[in-house]
């Protein structure tokens, strides 16, 4: 099985476009209220609850690579190749990078909160309380952590070879339920993509198909000469 034939892995790469939009949403939400008397404590609290808490949860149970947060492929409807890829999705290197993404969000939150004062004129929640803006920011930060891990896992799986996937034992349904965090409605059952990698054999087949016709013409040539004579 070639991992590049799985459409859900390619869809998770759309996080590259979604993450900047979500960062902008964080800045606009925080722009609705002035910082409190101790903004440093508030930013640390935002980071701890919105970024590090989900990162710790995803370290223990990595995000399922067949879940798009709102929709997912049901576990009983997954092909054997998909369950093999689930076993490959979270090596230690990917988990460390995902944890590093959660740590990186601290300076990002710090900078966005400092920048939010300049965006007060276009804030969607003008004159809201600081507590309200912080509570609304927490789920956006949690989605950022989720998408960061999904992006890393999808990039890792798309770079794996078909031979490695074939050698990996498939995860059981019980292991998937215990070791993967799968969110969303079980409605996704896309067909695998068809990859055109068989052009040389097709060329051989076409040449072999033409050969009998040429051989028949060659056999008819001597017969026509005998009839004319």
C-alpha atoms as a PDB file:
ATOM      1  CA  UNK A   1       0.000   0.000   0.000  1.00  0.00           C
ATOM      2  CA  UNK A   2       1.277   3.440  -0.932  1.00  0.00           C
ATOM      3  CA  UNK A   3       0.461   6.086   1.746  1.00  0.00           C
ATOM      4  CA  UNK A   4       0.128   8.710  -1.002  1.00  0.00           C
ATOM      5  CA  UNK A   5      -3.075   7.029  -2.133  1.00  0.00           C
ATOM      6  CA  UNK A   6      -4.893   8.074   1.062  1.00  0.00           C
ATOM      7  CA  UNK A   7      -6.841  11.321   0.469  1.00  0.00           C
ATOM      8  CA  UNK A   8      -7.270  12.114   4.183  1.00  0.00           C
ATOM      9  CA  UNK A   9      -3.511  12.459   4.615  1.00  0.00           C
ATOM     10  CA  UNK A  10      -3.424  15.078   1.867  1.00  0.00           C
ATOM     11  CA  UNK A  11      -6.394  16.915   3.389  1.00  0.00           C
ATOM     12  CA  UNK A  12      -4.515  17.273   6.677  1.00  0.00           C
ATOM     13  CA  UNK A  13      -1.837  19.285   4.869  1.00  0.00           C
ATOM     14  CA  UNK A  14      -4.448  22.057   4.540  1.00  0.00           C
ATOM     15  CA  UNK A  15      -3.475  22.953   8.115  1.00  0.00           C
ATOM     16  CA  UNK A  16      -0.651  24.973   6.533  1.00  0.00           C
ATOM     17  CA  UNK A  17      -3.331  27.402   5.330  1.00  0.00           C
ATOM     18  CA  UNK A  18      -5.628  27.120   8.368  1.00  0.00           C
ATOM     19  CA  UNK A  19      -3.022  27.805  11.078  1.00  0.00           C
ATOM     20  CA  UNK A  20      -2.323  31.451  10.034  1.00  0.00           C
ATOM     21  CA  UNK A  21      -6.087  32.135   9.980  1.00  0.00           C
ATOM     22  CA  UNK A  22      -6.472  30.697  13.470  1.00  0.00           C
ATOM     23  CA  UNK A  23      -3.560  32.773  14.769  1.00  0.00           C
ATOM     24  CA  UNK A  24      -5.260  35.860  13.367  1.00  0.00           C
ATOM     25  CA  UNK A  25      -8.475  34.790  15.115  1.00  0.00           C
ATOM     26  CA  UNK A  26      -6.590  34.595  18.437  1.00  0.00           C
ATOM     27  CA  UNK A  27      -5.290  38.138  17.987  1.00  0.00           C
ATOM     28  CA  UNK A  28      -8.754  39.480  17.075  1.00  0.00           C
ATOM     29  CA  UNK A  29     -10.437  37.790  20.043  1.00  0.00           C
ATOM     30  CA  UNK A  30      -7.833  39.093  22.486  1.00  0.00           C
ATOM     31  CA  UNK A  31      -8.211  42.583  20.985  1.00  0.00           C
ATOM     32  CA  UNK A  32     -11.742  42.806  22.408  1.00  0.00           C
ATOM     33  CA  UNK A  33     -10.486  43.594  25.933  1.00  0.00           C
ATOM     34  CA  UNK A  34      -7.595  45.472  27.484  1.00  0.00           C
ATOM     35  CA  UNK A  35      -4.952  43.386  29.256  1.00  0.00           C
ATOM     36  CA  UNK A  36      -5.376  42.994  32.979  1.00  0.00           C
ATOM     37  CA  UNK A  37      -3.007  44.283  35.666  1.00  0.00           C
ATOM     38  CA  UNK A  38      -0.660  41.292  35.203  1.00  0.00           C
ATOM     39  CA  UNK A  39      -0.721  40.387  31.485  1.00  0.00           C
ATOM     40  CA  UNK A  40       2.257  38.040  31.850  1.00  0.00           C
ATOM     41  CA  UNK A  41       0.319  35.794  34.244  1.00  0.00           C
ATOM     42  CA  UNK A  42      -2.695  35.844  31.915  1.00  0.00           C
ATOM     43  CA  UNK A  43      -0.583  34.840  28.925  1.00  0.00           C
ATOM     44  CA  UNK A  44       1.039  32.003  30.862  1.00  0.00           C
ATOM     45  CA  UNK A  45      -2.403  30.826  31.944  1.00  0.00           C
ATOM     46  CA  UNK A  46      -3.626  30.937  28.349  1.00  0.00           C
ATOM     47  CA  UNK A  47      -0.633  28.908  27.192  1.00  0.00           C
ATOM     48  CA  UNK A  48      -0.898  26.350  29.996  1.00  0.00           C
ATOM     49  CA  UNK A  49      -4.621  25.669  29.514  1.00  0.00           C
ATOM     50  CA  UNK A  50      -4.943  26.190  25.760  1.00  0.00           C
ATOM     51  CA  UNK A  51      -1.669  24.726  24.490  1.00  0.00           C
ATOM     52  CA  UNK A  52       0.203  22.626  27.016  1.00  0.00           C
ATOM     53  CA  UNK A  53      -2.784  20.778  28.462  1.00  0.00           C
ATOM     54  CA  UNK A  54      -3.881  19.528  24.990  1.00  0.00           C
ATOM     55  CA  UNK A  55      -0.236  18.776  24.151  1.00  0.00           C
ATOM     56  CA  UNK A  56       0.085  16.548  27.223  1.00  0.00           C
ATOM     57  CA  UNK A  57      -3.146  14.771  26.308  1.00  0.00           C
ATOM     58  CA  UNK A  58      -1.968  14.218  22.717  1.00  0.00           C
ATOM     59  CA  UNK A  59       1.369  12.912  23.991  1.00  0.00           C
ATOM     60  CA  UNK A  60      -0.470  10.163  25.865  1.00  0.00           C
ATOM     61  CA  UNK A  61      -3.002   9.508  23.075  1.00  0.00           C
ATOM     62  CA  UNK A  62      -1.870  10.930  19.716  1.00  0.00           C
ATOM     63  CA  UNK A  63      -4.473  12.398  17.401  1.00  0.00           C
ATOM     64  CA  UNK A  64      -5.888   9.724  15.119  1.00  0.00           C
ATOM     65  CA  UNK A  65      -4.583  10.235  11.594  1.00  0.00           C
ATOM     66  CA  UNK A  66      -8.034   9.338  10.171  1.00  0.00           C
ATOM     67  CA  UNK A  67      -9.852  12.015  12.175  1.00  0.00           C
ATOM     68  CA  UNK A  68     -10.390  15.545  10.860  1.00  0.00           C
ATOM     69  CA  UNK A  69     -11.671  16.808  14.249  1.00  0.00           C
ATOM     70  CA  UNK A  70     -15.288  17.136  13.032  1.00  0.00           C
ATOM     71  CA  UNK A  71     -15.415  14.007  10.855  1.00  0.00           C
ATOM     72  CA  UNK A  72     -13.568  10.710  10.994  1.00  0.00           C
ATOM     73  CA  UNK A  73     -13.338   7.331   9.315  1.00  0.00           C
ATOM     74  CA  UNK A  74     -15.107   4.779  11.557  1.00  0.00           C
ATOM     75  CA  UNK A  75     -12.708   2.286  13.086  1.00  0.00           C
ATOM     76  CA  UNK A  76     -14.651  -0.753  11.841  1.00  0.00           C
ATOM     77  CA  UNK A  77     -14.710   0.628   8.303  1.00  0.00           C
ATOM     78  CA  UNK A  78     -10.955   1.142   7.983  1.00  0.00           C
ATOM     79  CA  UNK A  79      -8.944  -0.877   5.531  1.00  0.00           C
ATOM     80  CA  UNK A  80      -6.019  -2.985   6.688  1.00  0.00           C
ATOM     81  CA  UNK A  81      -3.578  -0.546   5.108  1.00  0.00           C
ATOM     82  CA  UNK A  82      -5.078   2.328   7.093  1.00  0.00           C
ATOM     83  CA  UNK A  83      -4.643   0.386  10.327  1.00  0.00           C
ATOM     84  CA  UNK A  84      -1.035  -0.301   9.365  1.00  0.00           C
ATOM     85  CA  UNK A  85      -0.475   3.424   8.881  1.00  0.00           C
ATOM     86  CA  UNK A  86      -2.049   4.079  12.294  1.00  0.00           C
ATOM     87  CA  UNK A  87       0.694   1.939  13.819  1.00  0.00           C
ATOM     88  CA  UNK A  88       3.321   4.085  12.075  1.00  0.00           C
ATOM     89  CA  UNK A  89       1.896   7.525  12.760  1.00  0.00           C
ATOM     90  CA  UNK A  90       3.510   8.508  16.063  1.00  0.00           C
ATOM     91  CA  UNK A  91       7.176   7.595  16.475  1.00  0.00           C
ATOM     92  CA  UNK A  92       9.147   9.383  19.176  1.00  0.00           C
ATOM     93  CA  UNK A  93      10.507  11.989  16.750  1.00  0.00           C
ATOM     94  CA  UNK A  94       7.006  13.081  15.674  1.00  0.00           C
ATOM     95  CA  UNK A  95       5.815  13.233  19.272  1.00  0.00           C
ATOM     96  CA  UNK A  96       8.762  15.380  20.278  1.00  0.00           C
ATOM     97  CA  UNK A  97       8.102  17.751  17.380  1.00  0.00           C
ATOM     98  CA  UNK A  98       4.435  17.963  18.370  1.00  0.00           C
ATOM     99  CA  UNK A  99       5.439  18.780  21.957  1.00  0.00           C
ATOM    100  CA  UNK A 100       7.848  21.398  20.611  1.00  0.00           C
ATOM    101  CA  UNK A 101       4.964  22.945  18.655  1.00  0.00           C
ATOM    102  CA  UNK A 102       3.047  23.325  21.931  1.00  0.00           C
ATOM    103  CA  UNK A 103       6.048  24.997  23.581  1.00  0.00           C
ATOM    104  CA  UNK A 104       6.486  27.302  20.569  1.00  0.00           C
ATOM    105  CA  UNK A 105       2.957  28.618  21.066  1.00  0.00           C
ATOM    106  CA  UNK A 106       4.064  30.457  24.242  1.00  0.00           C
ATOM    107  CA  UNK A 107       6.048  33.202  22.437  1.00  0.00           C
ATOM    108  CA  UNK A 108       3.354  33.208  19.748  1.00  0.00           C
ATOM    109  CA  UNK A 109       0.630  33.919  22.331  1.00  0.00           C
ATOM    110  CA  UNK A 110       2.851  36.545  23.937  1.00  0.00           C
ATOM    111  CA  UNK A 111       3.358  38.356  20.637  1.00  0.00           C
ATOM    112  CA  UNK A 112      -0.291  38.098  19.555  1.00  0.00           C
ATOM    113  CA  UNK A 113      -1.554  39.478  22.853  1.00  0.00           C
ATOM    114  CA  UNK A 114       0.864  42.400  22.598  1.00  0.00           C
ATOM    115  CA  UNK A 115      -0.245  42.995  18.998  1.00  0.00           C
ATOM    116  CA  UNK A 116      -3.938  42.797  19.823  1.00  0.00           C
ATOM    117  CA  UNK A 117      -3.982  46.327  21.252  1.00  0.00           C
ATOM    118  CA  UNK A 118      -3.362  47.667  17.739  1.00  0.00           C
ATOM    119  CA  UNK A 119      -6.338  45.682  16.381  1.00  0.00           C
ATOM    120  CA  UNK A 120      -8.949  46.954  18.848  1.00  0.00           C
ATOM    121  CA  UNK A 121     -10.756  48.922  16.130  1.00  0.00           C
ATOM    122  CA  UNK A 122     -11.617  45.749  14.190  1.00  0.00           C
ATOM    123  CA  UNK A 123     -12.155  43.417  17.140  1.00  0.00           C
ATOM    124  CA  UNK A 124     -15.352  41.326  16.743  1.00  0.00           C
ATOM    125  CA  UNK A 125     -15.954  41.395  20.533  1.00  0.00           C
ATOM    126  CA  UNK A 126     -15.449  45.055  21.296  1.00  0.00           C
ATOM    127  CA  UNK A 127     -15.644  46.024  24.971  1.00  0.00           C
ATOM    128  CA  UNK A 128     -15.769  42.413  26.142  1.00  0.00           C
ATOM    129  CA  UNK A 129     -14.263  41.418  29.451  1.00  0.00           C
ATOM    130  CA  UNK A 130     -10.778  39.977  29.619  1.00  0.00           C
ATOM    131  CA  UNK A 131     -12.114  36.730  31.082  1.00  0.00           C
ATOM    132  CA  UNK A 132     -14.508  36.236  28.159  1.00  0.00           C
ATOM    133  CA  UNK A 133     -11.818  36.792  25.555  1.00  0.00           C
ATOM    134  CA  UNK A 134      -9.471  34.382  27.313  1.00  0.00           C
ATOM    135  CA  UNK A 135     -12.142  31.686  27.543  1.00  0.00           C
ATOM    136  CA  UNK A 136     -12.936  32.055  23.833  1.00  0.00           C
ATOM    137  CA  UNK A 137      -9.238  31.850  22.954  1.00  0.00           C
ATOM    138  CA  UNK A 138      -8.700  28.502  24.708  1.00  0.00           C
ATOM    139  CA  UNK A 139     -10.543  26.296  22.153  1.00  0.00           C
ATOM    140  CA  UNK A 140      -8.786  28.039  19.255  1.00  0.00           C
ATOM    141  CA  UNK A 141      -5.426  27.274  20.853  1.00  0.00           C
ATOM    142  CA  UNK A 142      -6.451  23.642  21.396  1.00  0.00           C
ATOM    143  CA  UNK A 143      -7.346  23.342  17.692  1.00  0.00           C
ATOM    144  CA  UNK A 144      -3.939  24.813  16.824  1.00  0.00           C
ATOM    145  CA  UNK A 145      -2.210  22.102  18.877  1.00  0.00           C
ATOM    146  CA  UNK A 146      -4.348  19.385  17.233  1.00  0.00           C
ATOM    147  CA  UNK A 147      -3.684  20.626  13.715  1.00  0.00           C
ATOM    148  CA  UNK A 148       0.031  20.977  14.383  1.00  0.00           C
ATOM    149  CA  UNK A 149       0.263  17.314  15.370  1.00  0.00           C
ATOM    150  CA  UNK A 150      -1.921  16.228  12.431  1.00  0.00           C
ATOM    151  CA  UNK A 151       0.281  18.159  10.025  1.00  0.00           C
ATOM    152  CA  UNK A 152       3.441  16.529  11.386  1.00  0.00           C
ATOM    153  CA  UNK A 153       1.917  13.035  11.313  1.00  0.00           C
ATOM    154  CA  UNK A 154       0.560  13.405   7.782  1.00  0.00           C
ATOM    155  CA  UNK A 155       3.925  14.642   6.507  1.00  0.00           C
ATOM    156  CA  UNK A 156       5.640  11.698   8.186  1.00  0.00           C
ATOM    157  CA  UNK A 157       3.230   9.090   6.804  1.00  0.00           C
ATOM    158  CA  UNK A 158       3.302  10.488   3.264  1.00  0.00           C
ATOM    159  CA  UNK A 159       7.077  10.086   3.264  1.00  0.00           C
ATOM    160  CA  UNK A 160       6.936   6.376   4.197  1.00  0.00           C
ATOM    161  CA  UNK A 161       7.460   3.715   1.553  1.00  0.00           C
ATOM    162  CA  UNK A 162       5.045   0.981   0.552  1.00  0.00           C
ATOM    163  CA  UNK A 163       7.482  -1.733   1.689  1.00  0.00           C
ATOM    164  CA  UNK A 164       7.620  -0.320   5.227  1.00  0.00           C
ATOM    165  CA  UNK A 165       3.825  -0.173   5.398  1.00  0.00           C
ATOM    166  CA  UNK A 166       3.552  -3.783   4.215  1.00  0.00           C
ATOM    167  CA  UNK A 167       5.974  -4.950   6.944  1.00  0.00           C
ATOM    168  CA  UNK A 168       4.105  -3.141   9.752  1.00  0.00           C
ATOM    169  CA  UNK A 169       1.436  -5.148  11.619  1.00  0.00           C
ATOM    170  CA  UNK A 170      -2.014  -3.555  11.569  1.00  0.00           C
ATOM    171  CA  UNK A 171      -3.424  -2.109  14.798  1.00  0.00           C
ATOM    172  CA  UNK A 172      -6.397  -3.884  16.292  1.00  0.00           C
ATOM    173  CA  UNK A 173      -9.665  -2.084  16.989  1.00  0.00           C
ATOM    174  CA  UNK A 174      -9.018  -2.351  20.739  1.00  0.00           C
ATOM    175  CA  UNK A 175      -5.586  -0.746  20.391  1.00  0.00           C
ATOM    176  CA  UNK A 176      -7.024   2.055  18.257  1.00  0.00           C
ATOM    177  CA  UNK A 177      -9.638   2.824  20.904  1.00  0.00           C
ATOM    178  CA  UNK A 178      -7.069   2.879  23.730  1.00  0.00           C
ATOM    179  CA  UNK A 179      -4.057   4.510  22.069  1.00  0.00           C
ATOM    180  CA  UNK A 180      -5.528   7.035  19.585  1.00  0.00           C
ATOM    181  CA  UNK A 181      -7.690  10.096  20.171  1.00  0.00           C
ATOM    182  CA  UNK A 182     -10.314  10.019  17.444  1.00  0.00           C
ATOM    183  CA  UNK A 183     -12.831  12.893  17.328  1.00  0.00           C
ATOM    184  CA  UNK A 184     -15.655  13.632  14.927  1.00  0.00           C
ATOM    185  CA  UNK A 185     -18.654  11.928  13.391  1.00  0.00           C
ATOM    186  CA  UNK A 186     -17.829   8.541  11.766  1.00  0.00           C
ATOM    187  CA  UNK A 187     -18.929   9.523   8.267  1.00  0.00           C
ATOM    188  CA  UNK A 188     -15.727   9.582   6.199  1.00  0.00           C
ATOM    189  CA  UNK A 189     -15.220   6.620   3.837  1.00  0.00           C
ATOM    190  CA  UNK A 190     -13.281   8.012   0.852  1.00  0.00           C
ATOM    191  CA  UNK A 191     -11.915   5.699  -1.797  1.00  0.00           C
ATOM    192  CA  UNK A 192      -8.106   5.537  -2.220  1.00  0.00           C
ATOM    193  CA  UNK A 193      -6.544   7.682  -4.911  1.00  0.00           C
ATOM    194  CA  UNK A 194      -5.407   5.969  -8.114  1.00  0.00           C
ATOM    195  CA  UNK A 195      -1.716   6.588  -8.727  1.00  0.00           C
ATOM    196  CA  UNK A 196      -0.449   6.261 -12.326  1.00  0.00           C
ATOM    197  CA  UNK A 197       2.817   4.406 -11.786  1.00  0.00           C
ATOM    198  CA  UNK A 198       2.389   1.605 -14.346  1.00  0.00           C
ATOM    199  CA  UNK A 199       3.203   3.388 -17.602  1.00  0.00           C
ATOM    200  CA  UNK A 200       6.168   1.119 -18.634  1.00  0.00           C
ATOM    201  CA  UNK A 201       4.081  -2.105 -18.433  1.00  0.00           C
ATOM    202  CA  UNK A 202       1.339  -0.428 -20.466  1.00  0.00           C
ATOM    203  CA  UNK A 203       3.848   0.429 -23.147  1.00  0.00           C
ATOM    204  CA  UNK A 204       4.960  -3.203 -23.287  1.00  0.00           C
ATOM    205  CA  UNK A 205       1.370  -4.386 -23.539  1.00  0.00           C
ATOM    206  CA  UNK A 206       0.597  -2.002 -26.386  1.00  0.00           C
ATOM    207  CA  UNK A 207       3.631  -3.142 -28.339  1.00  0.00           C
ATOM    208  CA  UNK A 208       2.703  -6.773 -27.804  1.00  0.00           C
ATOM    209  CA  UNK A 209      -0.833  -6.031 -29.005  1.00  0.00           C
ATOM    210  CA  UNK A 210       0.458  -4.532 -32.269  1.00  0.00           C
ATOM    211  CA  UNK A 211       2.897  -7.357 -32.935  1.00  0.00           C
ATOM    212  CA  UNK A 212       0.297 -10.003 -33.920  1.00  0.00           C
ATOM    213  CA  UNK A 213      -1.235  -7.644 -36.503  1.00  0.00           C
ATOM    214  CA  UNK A 214       2.140  -7.023 -38.104  1.00  0.00           C
ATOM    215  CA  UNK A 215       2.846 -10.771 -38.060  1.00  0.00           C
ATOM    216  CA  UNK A 216      -0.488 -11.464 -39.810  1.00  0.00           C
ATOM    217  CA  UNK A 217       0.341  -8.952 -42.557  1.00  0.00           C
ATOM    218  CA  UNK A 218       3.754 -10.551 -42.995  1.00  0.00           C
ATOM    219  CA  UNK A 219       2.144 -13.995 -43.358  1.00  0.00           C
ATOM    220  CA  UNK A 220      -0.358 -12.743 -45.946  1.00  0.00           C
ATOM    221  CA  UNK A 221       2.393 -11.252 -48.125  1.00  0.00           C
ATOM    222  CA  UNK A 222       3.763 -14.565 -49.577  1.00  0.00           C
ATOM    223  CA  UNK A 223       0.207 -15.889 -50.126  1.00  0.00           C
ATOM    224  CA  UNK A 224      -0.715 -12.857 -52.249  1.00  0.00           C
ATOM    225  CA  UNK A 225       2.444 -13.283 -54.324  1.00  0.00           C
ATOM    226  CA  UNK A 226       1.568 -16.936 -55.078  1.00  0.00           C
ATOM    227  CA  UNK A 227      -1.972 -16.035 -56.177  1.00  0.00           C
ATOM    228  CA  UNK A 228      -0.698 -13.325 -58.554  1.00  0.00           C
ATOM    229  CA  UNK A 229       1.804 -15.708 -60.127  1.00  0.00           C
END
